[in-house]
C-alpha atoms as a PDB file:
ATOM      1  CA  MET A   1     183.023 318.622  51.854  1.00  0.00           C
ATOM      2  CA  SER A   2     186.497 317.692  53.080  1.00  0.00           C
ATOM      3  CA  GLU A   3     188.463 314.845  51.582  1.00  0.00           C
ATOM      4  CA  LYS A   4     189.301 312.050  54.037  1.00  0.00           C
ATOM      5  CA  MET A   5     192.718 310.444  53.746  1.00  0.00           C
ATOM      6  CA  PRO A   6     192.770 306.654  54.334  1.00  0.00           C
ATOM      7  CA  ILE A   7     195.805 306.907  56.629  1.00  0.00           C
ATOM      8  CA  LYS A   8     193.951 309.427  58.808  1.00  0.00           C
ATOM      9  CA  ALA A   9     191.015 307.018  59.124  1.00  0.00           C
ATOM     10  CA  LEU A  10     193.426 304.259  60.188  1.00  0.00           C
ATOM     11  CA  GLU A  11     195.157 306.513  62.707  1.00  0.00           C
ATOM     12  CA  ALA A  12     191.752 307.390  64.169  1.00  0.00           C
ATOM     13  CA  ALA A  13     191.016 303.647  64.503  1.00  0.00           C
ATOM     14  CA  LEU A  14     194.144 302.837  66.539  1.00  0.00           C
ATOM     15  CA  ASN A  15     193.229 300.446  69.385  1.00  0.00           C
ATOM     16  CA  ASP A  16     189.904 299.591  67.690  1.00  0.00           C
ATOM     17  CA  VAL A  17     189.074 296.105  66.437  1.00  0.00           C
ATOM     18  CA  ILE A  18     189.158 296.058  62.626  1.00  0.00           C
ATOM     19  CA  SER A  19     188.719 293.420  59.920  1.00  0.00           C
ATOM     20  CA  ILE A  20     191.071 293.042  56.960  1.00  0.00           C
ATOM     21  CA  LYS A  21     190.691 290.970  53.808  1.00  0.00           C
ATOM     22  CA  LEU A  22     193.839 290.047  51.911  1.00  0.00           C
ATOM     23  CA  LYS A  23     194.212 289.540  48.172  1.00  0.00           C
ATOM     24  CA  ASP A  24     194.388 285.769  48.779  1.00  0.00           C
ATOM     25  CA  GLN A  25     190.853 286.009  50.280  1.00  0.00           C
ATOM     26  CA  ARG A  26     191.869 285.381  53.920  1.00  0.00           C
ATOM     27  CA  ILE A  27     190.168 287.589  56.518  1.00  0.00           C
ATOM     28  CA  PHE A  28     191.801 288.703  59.761  1.00  0.00           C
ATOM     29  CA  ARG A  29     190.323 290.529  62.732  1.00  0.00           C
ATOM     30  CA  GLY A  30     192.206 292.176  65.576  1.00  0.00           C
ATOM     31  CA  ARG A  31     193.030 295.335  67.481  1.00  0.00           C
ATOM     32  CA  LEU A  32     194.926 297.826  65.319  1.00  0.00           C
ATOM     33  CA  THR A  33     198.140 298.781  67.112  1.00  0.00           C
ATOM     34  CA  ARG A  34     200.200 300.388  64.318  1.00  0.00           C
ATOM     35  CA  CYS A  35     199.911 301.669  60.768  1.00  0.00           C
ATOM     36  CA  ASP A  36     202.235 303.490  58.397  1.00  0.00           C
ATOM     37  CA  VAL A  37     202.038 305.444  55.137  1.00  0.00           C
ATOM     38  CA  TYR A  38     202.405 302.186  53.152  1.00  0.00           C
ATOM     39  CA  MET A  39     199.285 300.804  54.907  1.00  0.00           C
ATOM     40  CA  ASN A  40     201.367 298.155  56.695  1.00  0.00           C
ATOM     41  CA  LEU A  41     199.313 297.228  59.752  1.00  0.00           C
ATOM     42  CA  THR A  42     200.026 295.512  63.044  1.00  0.00           C
ATOM     43  CA  LEU A  43     197.180 293.748  64.845  1.00  0.00           C
ATOM     44  CA  ALA A  44     197.131 292.506  68.430  1.00  0.00           C
ATOM     45  CA  ASP A  45     194.955 289.537  69.475  1.00  0.00           C
ATOM     46  CA  ALA A  46     194.583 288.723  65.767  1.00  0.00           C
ATOM     47  CA  GLU A  47     192.308 285.958  64.525  1.00  0.00           C
ATOM     48  CA  GLU A  48     191.901 284.428  61.086  1.00  0.00           C
ATOM     49  CA  ILE A  49     188.224 284.189  60.195  1.00  0.00           C
ATOM     50  CA  GLU A  50     186.722 281.633  57.820  1.00  0.00           C
ATOM     51  CA  GLU A  51     182.957 281.361  57.219  1.00  0.00           C
ATOM     52  CA  ASP A  52     182.243 283.505  60.314  1.00  0.00           C
ATOM     53  CA  GLN A  53     184.259 281.108  62.526  1.00  0.00           C
ATOM     54  CA  VAL A  54     187.693 281.594  64.090  1.00  0.00           C
ATOM     55  CA  ARG A  55     190.102 279.405  62.118  1.00  0.00           C
ATOM     56  CA  ALA A  56     193.314 280.376  63.938  1.00  0.00           C
ATOM     57  CA  LYS A  57     194.441 282.741  66.693  1.00  0.00           C
ATOM     58  CA  TYR A  58     197.639 284.770  66.584  1.00  0.00           C
ATOM     59  CA  GLY A  59     199.188 286.989  69.210  1.00  0.00           C
ATOM     60  CA  GLN A  60     200.515 289.830  67.102  1.00  0.00           C
ATOM     61  CA  LEU A  61     200.324 289.973  63.322  1.00  0.00           C
ATOM     62  CA  LEU A  62     201.977 292.217  60.720  1.00  0.00           C
ATOM     63  CA  LEU A  63     200.135 292.627  57.419  1.00  0.00           C
ATOM     64  CA  ARG A  64     201.867 294.246  54.453  1.00  0.00           C
ATOM     65  CA  GLY A  65     199.890 297.006  52.834  1.00  0.00           C
ATOM     66  CA  ASN A  66     200.369 295.714  49.293  1.00  0.00           C
ATOM     67  CA  ASN A  67     198.548 292.468  50.234  1.00  0.00           C
ATOM     68  CA  ILE A  68     195.433 294.183  51.608  1.00  0.00           C
ATOM     69  CA  LEU A  69     192.247 294.123  49.538  1.00  0.00           C
ATOM     70  CA  TRP A  70     190.009 295.992  52.004  1.00  0.00           C
ATOM     71  CA  ILE A  71     189.862 297.188  55.614  1.00  0.00           C
ATOM     72  CA  GLN A  72     186.668 297.412  57.652  1.00  0.00           C
ATOM     73  CA  ILE A  73     186.780 300.035  60.399  1.00  0.00           C
ATOM     74  CA  PRO A  74     183.963 300.290  62.955  1.00  0.00           C
ATOM     75  CA  GLU A  75     181.946 303.505  62.863  1.00  0.00           C
END
């Protein structure tokens, strides 16, 4: 069984819509446009989600890797 690197999974998800939860419990959803080895991510058409509702819409959003709790990538 081969080991899967998290950065490789992110690179494979470029241009896919992903969800991200931050350490402060906020959840964002958007199209992944960039990622780096520090897990810094850039989302396009980003939305902040609260209780399954859109709380705010952002054009482009940069999320620092050290603030990310989890990332949900579609299968």
